[in-house]
């Protein structure tokens, strides 16, 4: 597996207290989502690329925040947008 400095520097962290299982961006515009992703830099919650608006990818591009994790209960993977590699 390829090494990724972003994944190495951003470990999986526990879901913060008061976590809301909804795409903040979809809620703001009345949209819908398929699965949720959580930014490990700022904790922003947004929808996956299978969702119509693809807010997680848009967030990463707009902010430069490289690593997301699933916000779905029981899933523990991470993805780096920069190196296009997961862990």
Protein backbone atom coordinates (compact mmCIF):
# COMPACT_ATOMS: atom_id res chain seq x y z
CA UNK A 1 0.00 0.00 0.00
CA UNK A 2 1.26 3.48 -0.85
CA UNK A 3 2.32 5.75 2.00
CA UNK A 4 0.35 8.95 2.48
CA UNK A 5 1.63 11.76 4.72
CA UNK A 6 -1.90 13.15 5.11
CA UNK A 7 -3.29 9.81 6.34
CA UNK A 8 -0.26 9.40 8.61
CA UNK A 9 -0.85 12.84 10.14
CA UNK A 10 -4.65 12.57 10.48
CA UNK A 11 -5.64 9.47 12.46
CA UNK A 12 -9.20 8.37 12.85
CA UNK A 13 -10.74 10.29 15.74
CA UNK A 14 -13.87 9.55 17.75
CA UNK A 15 -17.13 11.09 16.66
CA UNK A 16 -17.49 14.36 18.60
CA UNK A 17 -20.16 14.84 21.26
CA UNK A 18 -23.42 16.13 19.82
CA UNK A 19 -22.60 14.74 16.37
CA UNK A 20 -25.49 15.12 13.92
CA UNK A 21 -25.89 12.42 11.29
CA UNK A 22 -26.88 14.71 8.41
CA UNK A 23 -25.19 16.51 5.54
CA UNK A 24 -24.98 20.11 6.72
CA UNK A 25 -24.87 21.37 3.13
CA UNK A 26 -27.84 19.29 1.94
CA UNK A 27 -29.91 20.44 4.92
CA UNK A 28 -29.13 24.07 4.04
CA UNK A 29 -30.51 23.69 0.50
CA UNK A 30 -33.18 21.03 1.06
CA UNK A 31 -31.15 18.32 -0.65
CA UNK A 32 -30.74 14.63 0.08
CA UNK A 33 -27.79 12.35 0.69
CA UNK A 34 -26.86 8.68 0.38
CA UNK A 35 -23.95 8.32 2.84
CA UNK A 36 -22.16 10.77 5.11
CA UNK A 37 -18.51 11.74 5.34
CA UNK A 38 -16.68 13.61 8.12
CA UNK A 39 -13.70 15.90 7.47
CA UNK A 40 -10.88 15.02 9.88
CA UNK A 41 -9.50 18.56 9.74
CA UNK A 42 -12.60 20.51 10.80
CA UNK A 43 -15.33 17.88 11.56
CA UNK A 44 -17.57 19.19 8.75
CA UNK A 45 -20.17 16.54 7.83
CA UNK A 46 -21.20 16.25 4.20
CA UNK A 47 -22.48 13.77 1.63
CA UNK A 48 -20.55 11.19 -0.39
CA UNK A 49 -19.91 11.05 -4.13
CA UNK A 50 -22.91 8.74 -4.59
CA UNK A 51 -25.12 11.59 -3.39
CA UNK A 52 -26.46 14.10 -5.95
CA UNK A 53 -24.46 17.09 -4.69
CA UNK A 54 -21.17 15.37 -3.69
CA UNK A 55 -20.62 17.88 -0.88
CA UNK A 56 -17.67 16.05 0.77
CA UNK A 57 -15.57 16.32 -2.39
CA UNK A 58 -16.64 19.96 -2.85
CA UNK A 59 -15.62 20.68 0.76
CA UNK A 60 -12.19 19.11 0.25
CA UNK A 61 -11.60 21.09 -2.95
CA UNK A 62 -12.78 24.38 -1.46
CA UNK A 63 -10.85 24.09 1.80
CA UNK A 64 -7.84 21.97 0.94
CA UNK A 65 -8.71 19.62 3.80
CA UNK A 66 -7.29 16.33 2.54
CA UNK A 67 -8.72 13.50 4.68
CA UNK A 68 -12.26 12.30 5.29
CA UNK A 69 -13.70 9.35 7.12
CA UNK A 70 -17.05 7.69 6.91
CA UNK A 71 -19.65 9.19 9.21
CA UNK A 72 -21.68 6.01 8.97
CA UNK A 73 -21.93 4.07 12.26
CA UNK A 74 -19.49 1.14 12.42
CA UNK A 75 -17.28 2.25 9.50
CA UNK A 76 -13.67 3.11 10.30
CA UNK A 77 -11.91 3.89 7.02
CA UNK A 78 -10.25 7.14 5.90
CA UNK A 79 -9.64 8.59 2.40
CA UNK A 80 -7.08 11.14 1.23
CA UNK A 81 -8.24 13.29 -1.68
CA UNK A 82 -4.68 14.46 -2.45
CA UNK A 83 -3.09 11.04 -2.91
CA UNK A 84 -6.33 9.20 -3.75
CA UNK A 85 -5.56 6.48 -1.26
CA UNK A 86 -7.46 5.02 1.65
CA UNK A 87 -6.65 3.38 4.94
